[in-house]
């Protein structure tokens, strides 16, 4: 199995945008029936009803390809097949004491449970040196995600990381912090 984690450009943005609704659907299983994680009146997983089509939602995601050296969109491929994505943000899109923030991380169902996600996360960490931060949902429904990040970050840092439960701009989260300088 060949895993490739590659920074994307505008000409490949559509691949990640095609997977994004699947990612939002996946997140809905971790959060339940709150307004932010259920479809709007048009069937789009967005809080706002102004998004009527997936194209509307795609246009909002363009920011990931409009700010090079600030926002990074990685495509994960397995044997040349799109399998997931990783969005990494830097200042001003993360907290002041963070250099790199894993904004979104997604791997489609058929590729889970065989080490691809851990490989991809570590590949992205290796590309940038600095202080990292990752948020994940603290709910019981997200035990798999919490376990994944705990295992992956612990393995990558040889246990040299901080984990805490705290309030963020996006509500209460399990927060992982580490440095790979």
N, C-alpha and C. Protein backbone atom coordinates (compact mmCIF):
# COMPACT_ATOMS: atom_id res chain seq x y z
N UNK A 1 0.85 -1.18 0.00
CA UNK A 1 0.00 0.00 0.00
C UNK A 1 0.90 1.24 0.00
N UNK A 2 0.67 2.13 -0.95
CA UNK A 2 1.44 3.37 -1.07
C UNK A 2 0.60 4.53 -0.57
N UNK A 3 1.09 5.20 0.49
CA UNK A 3 0.40 6.35 1.07
C UNK A 3 1.15 7.61 0.67
N UNK A 4 0.42 8.59 0.15
CA UNK A 4 1.01 9.85 -0.27
C UNK A 4 0.24 10.98 0.39
N UNK A 5 0.95 11.86 1.07
CA UNK A 5 0.35 13.03 1.71
C UNK A 5 0.96 14.24 1.02
N UNK A 6 0.14 14.96 0.25
CA UNK A 6 0.68 16.01 -0.60
C UNK A 6 -0.09 17.31 -0.42
N UNK A 7 0.65 18.40 -0.33
CA UNK A 7 0.06 19.73 -0.30
C UNK A 7 -0.64 19.96 -1.64
N UNK A 8 -1.87 20.44 -1.59
CA UNK A 8 -2.63 20.62 -2.83
C UNK A 8 -2.61 22.08 -3.28
N UNK A 9 -2.94 22.25 -4.53
CA UNK A 9 -3.07 23.57 -5.14
C UNK A 9 -4.49 23.69 -5.69
N UNK A 10 -4.81 24.84 -6.23
CA UNK A 10 -6.16 25.09 -6.75
C UNK A 10 -6.67 24.02 -7.70
N UNK A 11 -5.79 23.49 -8.53
CA UNK A 11 -6.24 22.52 -9.53
C UNK A 11 -6.68 21.19 -8.91
N UNK A 12 -6.36 20.94 -7.63
CA UNK A 12 -6.80 19.73 -6.95
C UNK A 12 -7.80 20.01 -5.83
N UNK A 13 -8.14 21.26 -5.62
CA UNK A 13 -9.04 21.62 -4.53
C UNK A 13 -10.37 20.88 -4.63
N UNK A 14 -10.84 20.66 -5.83
CA UNK A 14 -12.14 20.00 -6.00
C UNK A 14 -12.17 18.60 -5.38
N UNK A 15 -11.03 17.93 -5.31
CA UNK A 15 -10.99 16.58 -4.74
C UNK A 15 -11.32 16.63 -3.26
N UNK A 16 -10.69 17.55 -2.55
CA UNK A 16 -10.96 17.71 -1.13
C UNK A 16 -12.39 18.22 -0.93
N UNK A 17 -12.82 19.14 -1.76
CA UNK A 17 -14.19 19.66 -1.65
C UNK A 17 -15.22 18.56 -1.87
N UNK A 18 -14.91 17.59 -2.72
CA UNK A 18 -15.82 16.46 -2.93
C UNK A 18 -15.94 15.61 -1.66
N UNK A 19 -14.87 15.52 -0.88
CA UNK A 19 -14.88 14.72 0.35
C UNK A 19 -15.44 15.48 1.54
N UNK A 20 -15.45 16.80 1.48
CA UNK A 20 -15.82 17.61 2.64
C UNK A 20 -17.22 17.31 3.19
N UNK A 21 -18.25 17.15 2.37
CA UNK A 21 -19.56 16.79 2.93
C UNK A 21 -19.54 15.46 3.69
N UNK A 22 -18.72 14.52 3.24
CA UNK A 22 -18.59 13.25 3.96
C UNK A 22 -17.97 13.48 5.34
N UNK A 23 -17.00 14.37 5.40
CA UNK A 23 -16.36 14.73 6.67
C UNK A 23 -17.38 15.35 7.63
N UNK A 24 -18.18 16.29 7.14
CA UNK A 24 -19.17 16.93 8.00
C UNK A 24 -20.23 15.93 8.45
N UNK A 25 -20.60 15.02 7.58
CA UNK A 25 -21.55 13.97 7.95
C UNK A 25 -20.93 13.10 9.05
N UNK A 26 -19.68 12.77 8.90
CA UNK A 26 -18.96 11.98 9.90
C UNK A 26 -18.96 12.68 11.26
N UNK A 27 -18.68 13.98 11.26
CA UNK A 27 -18.66 14.75 12.51
C UNK A 27 -20.01 14.74 13.20
N UNK A 28 -21.08 14.72 12.44
CA UNK A 28 -22.42 14.75 13.03
C UNK A 28 -22.63 13.57 13.97
N UNK A 29 -21.99 12.47 13.70
CA UNK A 29 -22.10 11.31 14.57
C UNK A 29 -21.43 11.49 15.91
N UNK A 30 -20.50 12.45 15.99
CA UNK A 30 -19.78 12.71 17.24
C UNK A 30 -20.48 13.75 18.10
N UNK A 31 -21.35 14.53 17.50
CA UNK A 31 -21.95 15.66 18.21
C UNK A 31 -23.44 15.50 18.48
N UNK A 32 -24.10 14.64 17.78
CA UNK A 32 -25.54 14.49 17.99
C UNK A 32 -26.34 15.54 17.24
N UNK A 33 -27.47 15.90 17.81
CA UNK A 33 -28.43 16.75 17.10
C UNK A 33 -28.33 18.23 17.44
N UNK A 34 -27.12 18.74 17.64
CA UNK A 34 -27.04 20.19 17.84
C UNK A 34 -27.11 20.88 16.48
N UNK A 35 -27.47 22.14 16.48
CA UNK A 35 -27.73 22.88 15.23
C UNK A 35 -26.51 22.94 14.32
N UNK A 36 -25.32 22.91 14.91
CA UNK A 36 -24.12 23.04 14.09
C UNK A 36 -23.77 21.75 13.35
N UNK A 37 -24.30 20.62 13.78
CA UNK A 37 -23.90 19.35 13.20
C UNK A 37 -25.07 18.55 12.62
N UNK A 38 -26.11 19.25 12.23
CA UNK A 38 -27.22 18.63 11.51
C UNK A 38 -27.40 19.40 10.20
N UNK A 39 -28.01 18.80 9.23
CA UNK A 39 -28.18 19.50 7.96
C UNK A 39 -29.10 20.72 8.12
N UNK A 40 -28.83 21.74 7.31
CA UNK A 40 -29.74 22.90 7.29
C UNK A 40 -30.99 22.53 6.49
N UNK A 41 -31.86 23.49 6.27
CA UNK A 41 -33.12 23.18 5.58
C UNK A 41 -32.93 22.74 4.14
N UNK A 42 -31.72 22.89 3.60
CA UNK A 42 -31.44 22.49 2.22
C UNK A 42 -30.68 21.18 2.14
N UNK A 43 -30.44 20.55 3.31
CA UNK A 43 -29.74 19.27 3.34
C UNK A 43 -28.23 19.38 3.35
N UNK A 44 -27.71 20.59 3.59
CA UNK A 44 -26.27 20.83 3.63
C UNK A 44 -25.84 20.88 5.10
N UNK A 45 -24.76 20.22 5.45
CA UNK A 45 -24.24 20.28 6.82
C UNK A 45 -23.53 21.62 7.03
N UNK A 46 -24.31 22.64 7.32
CA UNK A 46 -23.84 23.98 7.65
C UNK A 46 -24.88 24.63 8.54
N UNK A 47 -24.44 25.49 9.45
CA UNK A 47 -25.37 26.17 10.34
C UNK A 47 -26.27 27.12 9.57
N UNK A 48 -25.67 27.82 8.63
CA UNK A 48 -26.40 28.84 7.89
C UNK A 48 -27.29 28.24 6.81
N UNK A 49 -28.49 28.78 6.67
CA UNK A 49 -29.38 28.37 5.60
C UNK A 49 -29.06 29.07 4.28
N UNK A 50 -28.04 29.94 4.30
CA UNK A 50 -27.66 30.61 3.05
C UNK A 50 -26.97 29.65 2.09
N UNK A 51 -26.49 28.51 2.59
CA UNK A 51 -25.89 27.51 1.73
C UNK A 51 -27.00 26.61 1.21
N UNK A 52 -27.31 26.78 -0.07
CA UNK A 52 -28.41 26.05 -0.68
C UNK A 52 -27.90 24.83 -1.44
N UNK A 53 -26.71 24.93 -2.01
CA UNK A 53 -26.12 23.82 -2.77
C UNK A 53 -24.72 23.53 -2.24
N UNK A 54 -24.20 22.37 -2.61
CA UNK A 54 -22.83 22.05 -2.23
C UNK A 54 -21.85 23.04 -2.85
N UNK A 55 -22.17 23.59 -4.01
CA UNK A 55 -21.30 24.59 -4.63
C UNK A 55 -21.14 25.80 -3.72
N UNK A 56 -22.22 26.22 -3.06
CA UNK A 56 -22.13 27.33 -2.11
C UNK A 56 -21.12 27.00 -1.01
N UNK A 57 -21.20 25.78 -0.52
CA UNK A 57 -20.29 25.35 0.54
C UNK A 57 -18.86 25.27 0.01
N UNK A 58 -18.70 24.80 -1.21
CA UNK A 58 -17.36 24.69 -1.80
C UNK A 58 -16.69 26.06 -1.87
N UNK A 59 -17.45 27.08 -2.25
CA UNK A 59 -16.87 28.41 -2.40
C UNK A 59 -16.29 28.94 -1.10
N UNK A 60 -16.90 28.62 0.03
CA UNK A 60 -16.40 29.06 1.34
C UNK A 60 -15.04 28.42 1.63
N UNK A 61 -14.84 27.22 1.13
CA UNK A 61 -13.59 26.50 1.39
C UNK A 61 -12.41 27.04 0.58
N UNK A 62 -12.67 27.91 -0.36
CA UNK A 62 -11.59 28.43 -1.20
C UNK A 62 -10.47 29.09 -0.41
N UNK A 63 -10.77 29.57 0.79
CA UNK A 63 -9.75 30.24 1.60
C UNK A 63 -8.52 29.35 1.80
N UNK A 64 -8.71 28.03 1.81
CA UNK A 64 -7.59 27.11 2.03
C UNK A 64 -6.58 27.13 0.89
N UNK A 65 -6.96 27.62 -0.26
CA UNK A 65 -6.04 27.68 -1.40
C UNK A 65 -5.72 29.13 -1.76
N UNK A 66 -6.26 30.08 -1.01
CA UNK A 66 -6.02 31.51 -1.29
C UNK A 66 -4.96 32.12 -0.38
N UNK A 67 -4.53 31.38 0.64
CA UNK A 67 -3.55 31.91 1.61
C UNK A 67 -2.35 30.98 1.74
N UNK A 68 -1.53 30.91 0.69
CA UNK A 68 -0.34 30.06 0.79
C UNK A 68 0.59 30.59 1.90
N UNK A 69 1.32 29.71 2.51
CA UNK A 69 2.23 30.03 3.62
C UNK A 69 1.48 30.47 4.87
N UNK A 70 0.18 30.20 4.92
CA UNK A 70 -0.65 30.51 6.08
C UNK A 70 -1.64 29.37 6.34
N UNK A 71 -2.31 28.93 5.29
CA UNK A 71 -3.25 27.81 5.37
C UNK A 71 -2.79 26.73 4.39
N UNK A 72 -2.82 25.49 4.87
CA UNK A 72 -2.29 24.37 4.08
C UNK A 72 -3.33 23.27 3.97
N UNK A 73 -3.62 22.85 2.76
CA UNK A 73 -4.58 21.78 2.51
C UNK A 73 -3.83 20.58 1.92
N UNK A 74 -3.78 19.50 2.68
CA UNK A 74 -3.10 18.28 2.25
C UNK A 74 -4.12 17.24 1.81
N UNK A 75 -3.81 16.56 0.74
CA UNK A 75 -4.63 15.45 0.26
C UNK A 75 -3.90 14.16 0.60
N UNK A 76 -4.63 13.22 1.19
CA UNK A 76 -4.09 11.89 1.49
C UNK A 76 -4.57 10.96 0.38
N UNK A 77 -3.64 10.29 -0.27
CA UNK A 77 -3.97 9.30 -1.30
C UNK A 77 -3.41 7.95 -0.87
N UNK A 78 -4.15 6.91 -1.17
CA UNK A 78 -3.70 5.55 -0.92
C UNK A 78 -3.74 4.83 -2.27
N UNK A 79 -2.58 4.37 -2.72
CA UNK A 79 -2.48 3.75 -4.05
C UNK A 79 -3.12 4.63 -5.11
N UNK A 80 -2.83 5.93 -5.03
CA UNK A 80 -3.29 6.96 -5.97
C UNK A 80 -4.79 7.25 -5.89
N UNK A 81 -5.49 6.72 -4.90
CA UNK A 81 -6.92 6.97 -4.72
C UNK A 81 -7.09 7.99 -3.59
N UNK A 82 -7.85 9.08 -3.81
CA UNK A 82 -8.09 10.03 -2.72
C UNK A 82 -8.74 9.32 -1.53
N UNK A 83 -8.13 9.52 -0.33
CA UNK A 83 -8.59 8.83 0.86
C UNK A 83 -8.96 9.77 1.99
N UNK A 84 -8.47 11.00 1.96
CA UNK A 84 -8.76 11.94 3.04
C UNK A 84 -8.01 13.24 2.86
N UNK A 85 -8.07 14.06 3.90
CA UNK A 85 -7.39 15.35 3.83
C UNK A 85 -7.02 15.84 5.23
N UNK A 86 -6.10 16.79 5.25
CA UNK A 86 -5.67 17.46 6.48
C UNK A 86 -5.58 18.94 6.18
N UNK A 87 -6.24 19.77 7.00
CA UNK A 87 -6.11 21.22 6.91
C UNK A 87 -5.27 21.68 8.09
N UNK A 88 -4.21 22.43 7.81
CA UNK A 88 -3.33 22.97 8.84
C UNK A 88 -3.34 24.49 8.73
N UNK A 89 -3.57 25.14 9.86
CA UNK A 89 -3.62 26.61 9.90
C UNK A 89 -2.46 27.16 10.71
N UNK A 90 -2.04 28.37 10.35
CA UNK A 90 -1.04 29.11 11.11
C UNK A 90 -1.64 30.48 11.45
N UNK A 91 -0.86 31.31 12.13
CA UNK A 91 -1.34 32.64 12.51
C UNK A 91 -1.81 33.40 11.26
N UNK A 92 -2.88 34.12 11.36
CA UNK A 92 -3.69 34.47 12.51
C UNK A 92 -4.86 33.52 12.75
N UNK A 93 -4.81 32.34 12.17
CA UNK A 93 -5.93 31.38 12.25
C UNK A 93 -5.75 30.34 13.35
N UNK A 94 -4.92 30.65 14.33
CA UNK A 94 -4.74 29.76 15.48
C UNK A 94 -4.36 30.62 16.69
N UNK A 95 -4.28 30.00 17.85
CA UNK A 95 -3.98 30.76 19.06
C UNK A 95 -2.56 31.33 19.02
N UNK A 96 -2.34 32.37 19.78
CA UNK A 96 -1.07 33.11 19.73
C UNK A 96 0.13 32.25 20.12
N UNK A 97 -0.06 31.27 20.98
CA UNK A 97 1.07 30.44 21.41
C UNK A 97 1.21 29.15 20.60
N UNK A 98 0.61 29.13 19.41
CA UNK A 98 0.63 27.96 18.53
C UNK A 98 1.18 28.37 17.17
N UNK A 99 2.05 27.54 16.62
CA UNK A 99 2.57 27.78 15.27
C UNK A 99 1.73 27.07 14.21
N UNK A 100 1.26 25.85 14.56
CA UNK A 100 0.52 25.04 13.60
C UNK A 100 -0.67 24.39 14.30
N UNK A 101 -1.82 24.50 13.66
CA UNK A 101 -3.07 23.99 14.22
C UNK A 101 -3.72 23.04 13.22
N UNK A 102 -3.99 21.81 13.63
CA UNK A 102 -4.70 20.87 12.77
C UNK A 102 -6.18 21.26 12.82
N UNK A 103 -6.61 21.95 11.80
CA UNK A 103 -7.97 22.49 11.74
C UNK A 103 -8.98 21.40 11.43
N UNK A 104 -8.69 20.57 10.44
CA UNK A 104 -9.57 19.47 10.03
C UNK A 104 -8.70 18.28 9.64
N UNK A 105 -9.17 17.11 9.99
CA UNK A 105 -8.45 15.87 9.64
C UNK A 105 -9.53 14.83 9.33
N UNK A 106 -9.43 14.23 8.15
CA UNK A 106 -10.46 13.28 7.73
C UNK A 106 -9.86 12.16 6.90
N UNK A 107 -10.30 10.95 7.21
CA UNK A 107 -9.96 9.78 6.41
C UNK A 107 -11.26 9.02 6.16
N UNK A 108 -11.53 8.71 4.90
CA UNK A 108 -12.78 8.03 4.56
C UNK A 108 -12.80 6.61 5.14
N UNK A 109 -14.01 6.14 5.42
CA UNK A 109 -14.23 4.86 6.10
C UNK A 109 -13.41 3.69 5.54
N UNK A 110 -13.36 3.46 4.24
CA UNK A 110 -12.66 2.26 3.75
C UNK A 110 -11.17 2.22 4.08
N UNK A 111 -10.60 3.37 4.46
CA UNK A 111 -9.16 3.46 4.70
C UNK A 111 -8.79 3.49 6.18
N UNK A 112 -9.78 3.36 7.05
CA UNK A 112 -9.53 3.47 8.49
C UNK A 112 -9.10 2.13 9.09
N UNK A 113 -8.39 2.25 10.20
CA UNK A 113 -8.04 1.08 10.99
C UNK A 113 -6.83 0.30 10.53
N UNK A 114 -6.07 0.85 9.56
CA UNK A 114 -4.90 0.14 9.07
C UNK A 114 -3.61 0.98 9.14
N UNK A 115 -3.65 2.08 9.89
CA UNK A 115 -2.46 2.89 10.09
C UNK A 115 -2.27 4.05 9.14
N UNK A 116 -3.17 4.23 8.20
CA UNK A 116 -3.03 5.31 7.21
C UNK A 116 -3.15 6.67 7.88
N UNK A 117 -4.13 6.85 8.76
CA UNK A 117 -4.34 8.14 9.42
C UNK A 117 -3.13 8.53 10.26
N UNK A 118 -2.60 7.59 11.02
CA UNK A 118 -1.43 7.89 11.85
C UNK A 118 -0.23 8.26 10.97
N UNK A 119 -0.02 7.52 9.90
CA UNK A 119 1.06 7.83 8.97
C UNK A 119 0.89 9.24 8.41
N UNK A 120 -0.32 9.57 7.98
CA UNK A 120 -0.58 10.88 7.38
C UNK A 120 -0.35 12.01 8.39
N UNK A 121 -0.85 11.83 9.61
CA UNK A 121 -0.67 12.86 10.63
C UNK A 121 0.82 13.10 10.89
N UNK A 122 1.58 12.04 11.05
CA UNK A 122 3.01 12.18 11.31
C UNK A 122 3.75 12.80 10.13
N UNK A 123 3.33 12.47 8.93
CA UNK A 123 3.93 13.09 7.74
C UNK A 123 3.74 14.61 7.76
N UNK A 124 2.54 15.04 8.10
CA UNK A 124 2.25 16.47 8.16
C UNK A 124 3.06 17.11 9.28
N UNK A 125 3.11 16.49 10.46
CA UNK A 125 3.91 17.04 11.57
C UNK A 125 5.36 17.23 11.16
N UNK A 126 5.90 16.27 10.43
CA UNK A 126 7.30 16.32 10.03
C UNK A 126 7.62 17.47 9.08
N UNK A 127 6.64 17.94 8.37
CA UNK A 127 6.89 19.00 7.37
C UNK A 127 7.12 20.36 7.98
N UNK A 128 6.59 20.57 9.18
CA UNK A 128 6.68 21.89 9.80
C UNK A 128 7.16 21.74 11.24
N UNK A 129 8.12 22.57 11.61
CA UNK A 129 8.68 22.54 12.96
C UNK A 129 8.11 23.69 13.77
N UNK A 130 7.66 23.36 14.98
CA UNK A 130 7.13 24.40 15.85
C UNK A 130 6.20 23.83 16.90
N UNK A 131 5.36 24.71 17.43
CA UNK A 131 4.38 24.34 18.46
C UNK A 131 3.07 23.98 17.76
N UNK A 132 2.58 22.79 18.05
CA UNK A 132 1.38 22.25 17.42
C UNK A 132 0.23 22.20 18.41
N UNK A 133 -0.99 22.31 17.85
CA UNK A 133 -2.20 22.19 18.64
C UNK A 133 -3.25 21.44 17.82
N UNK A 134 -3.97 20.54 18.51
CA UNK A 134 -5.04 19.75 17.89
C UNK A 134 -6.22 19.76 18.86
N UNK A 135 -7.42 19.99 18.35
CA UNK A 135 -8.64 19.90 19.15
C UNK A 135 -9.44 18.68 18.69
N UNK A 136 -10.11 18.04 19.63
CA UNK A 136 -11.07 17.01 19.26
C UNK A 136 -12.23 17.05 20.25
N UNK A 137 -13.35 16.54 19.81
CA UNK A 137 -14.58 16.55 20.61
C UNK A 137 -14.39 15.68 21.86
N UNK A 138 -14.77 16.20 23.04
CA UNK A 138 -14.59 15.44 24.27
C UNK A 138 -15.70 14.44 24.58
N UNK A 139 -16.73 14.36 23.74
CA UNK A 139 -17.89 13.53 24.07
C UNK A 139 -17.55 12.04 24.02
N UNK A 140 -18.36 11.28 24.71
CA UNK A 140 -18.23 9.82 24.73
C UNK A 140 -18.36 9.25 23.32
N UNK A 141 -19.14 9.90 22.46
CA UNK A 141 -19.34 9.43 21.09
C UNK A 141 -18.07 9.53 20.25
N UNK A 142 -17.08 10.29 20.73
CA UNK A 142 -15.84 10.47 19.99
C UNK A 142 -14.66 9.78 20.66
N UNK A 143 -14.90 8.73 21.36
CA UNK A 143 -13.79 8.02 22.02
C UNK A 143 -12.75 7.52 21.02
N UNK A 144 -13.20 7.11 19.85
CA UNK A 144 -12.27 6.63 18.82
C UNK A 144 -11.33 7.76 18.39
N UNK A 145 -11.89 8.96 18.15
CA UNK A 145 -11.07 10.10 17.76
C UNK A 145 -10.09 10.51 18.85
N UNK A 146 -10.56 10.53 20.08
CA UNK A 146 -9.69 10.88 21.21
C UNK A 146 -8.54 9.87 21.32
N UNK A 147 -8.88 8.59 21.22
CA UNK A 147 -7.86 7.54 21.29
C UNK A 147 -6.86 7.69 20.15
N UNK A 148 -7.37 7.97 18.95
CA UNK A 148 -6.47 8.14 17.79
C UNK A 148 -5.45 9.24 18.05
N UNK A 149 -5.92 10.41 18.47
CA UNK A 149 -4.99 11.53 18.67
C UNK A 149 -4.05 11.27 19.84
N UNK A 150 -4.55 10.69 20.90
CA UNK A 150 -3.71 10.37 22.06
C UNK A 150 -2.58 9.42 21.63
N UNK A 151 -2.94 8.36 20.92
CA UNK A 151 -1.96 7.37 20.46
C UNK A 151 -0.98 7.97 19.47
N UNK A 152 -1.49 8.72 18.49
CA UNK A 152 -0.65 9.27 17.43
C UNK A 152 0.31 10.32 17.97
N UNK A 153 -0.20 11.25 18.78
CA UNK A 153 0.66 12.31 19.32
C UNK A 153 1.66 11.72 20.31
N UNK A 154 1.24 10.78 21.13
CA UNK A 154 2.15 10.14 22.07
C UNK A 154 3.27 9.41 21.35
N UNK A 155 2.92 8.68 20.32
CA UNK A 155 3.92 7.96 19.53
C UNK A 155 4.88 8.93 18.85
N UNK A 156 4.35 9.97 18.23
CA UNK A 156 5.18 10.94 17.50
C UNK A 156 6.13 11.67 18.44
N UNK A 157 5.66 12.02 19.63
CA UNK A 157 6.47 12.82 20.56
C UNK A 157 7.17 11.97 21.63
N UNK A 158 7.04 10.66 21.56
CA UNK A 158 7.53 9.76 22.60
C UNK A 158 7.00 10.18 23.97
N UNK A 159 5.71 10.53 24.00
CA UNK A 159 5.04 10.87 25.24
C UNK A 159 5.27 12.29 25.74
N UNK A 160 5.96 13.10 24.96
CA UNK A 160 6.27 14.47 25.38
C UNK A 160 5.24 15.45 24.79
N UNK A 161 4.05 15.45 25.37
CA UNK A 161 2.97 16.33 24.91
C UNK A 161 2.08 16.64 26.10
N UNK A 162 1.21 17.63 25.91
CA UNK A 162 0.22 17.98 26.94
C UNK A 162 -1.16 17.70 26.38
N UNK A 163 -2.01 17.17 27.26
CA UNK A 163 -3.40 16.94 26.92
C UNK A 163 -4.24 17.58 28.00
N UNK A 164 -5.23 18.37 27.59
CA UNK A 164 -6.11 18.99 28.56
C UNK A 164 -7.51 19.13 28.00
N UNK A 165 -8.44 19.29 28.89
CA UNK A 165 -9.83 19.56 28.54
C UNK A 165 -10.06 21.02 28.88
N UNK A 166 -10.42 21.83 27.86
CA UNK A 166 -10.54 23.27 28.11
C UNK A 166 -11.49 23.89 27.08
N UNK A 167 -11.89 25.11 27.37
CA UNK A 167 -12.71 25.88 26.45
C UNK A 167 -11.84 26.43 25.32
N UNK A 168 -12.39 26.40 24.12
CA UNK A 168 -11.73 26.97 22.94
C UNK A 168 -12.71 27.91 22.25
N UNK A 169 -12.30 28.50 21.15
CA UNK A 169 -13.21 29.33 20.35
C UNK A 169 -14.37 28.51 19.82
N UNK A 170 -14.23 27.17 19.85
CA UNK A 170 -15.24 26.26 19.31
C UNK A 170 -15.86 25.40 20.42
N UNK A 171 -15.92 25.94 21.64
CA UNK A 171 -16.50 25.20 22.76
C UNK A 171 -15.46 24.35 23.48
N UNK A 172 -15.95 23.49 24.37
CA UNK A 172 -15.05 22.64 25.15
C UNK A 172 -14.47 21.54 24.26
N UNK A 173 -13.16 21.35 24.35
CA UNK A 173 -12.46 20.36 23.52
C UNK A 173 -11.38 19.66 24.33
N UNK A 174 -11.01 18.47 23.88
CA UNK A 174 -9.78 17.84 24.31
C UNK A 174 -8.69 18.47 23.44
N UNK A 175 -7.68 19.02 24.08
CA UNK A 175 -6.63 19.74 23.37
C UNK A 175 -5.32 18.98 23.53
N UNK A 176 -4.62 18.77 22.43
CA UNK A 176 -3.29 18.17 22.44
C UNK A 176 -2.31 19.24 21.99
N UNK A 177 -1.22 19.39 22.76
CA UNK A 177 -0.18 20.37 22.42
C UNK A 177 1.19 19.70 22.50
N UNK A 178 2.02 20.01 21.52
CA UNK A 178 3.39 19.51 21.55
C UNK A 178 4.26 20.39 20.68
N UNK A 179 5.56 20.25 20.84
CA UNK A 179 6.51 20.97 20.02
C UNK A 179 7.45 19.97 19.37
N UNK A 180 7.77 20.21 18.12
CA UNK A 180 8.75 19.35 17.42
C UNK A 180 9.91 20.20 16.90
N UNK A 181 10.21 21.27 17.61
CA UNK A 181 11.35 22.12 17.20
C UNK A 181 12.66 21.40 17.34
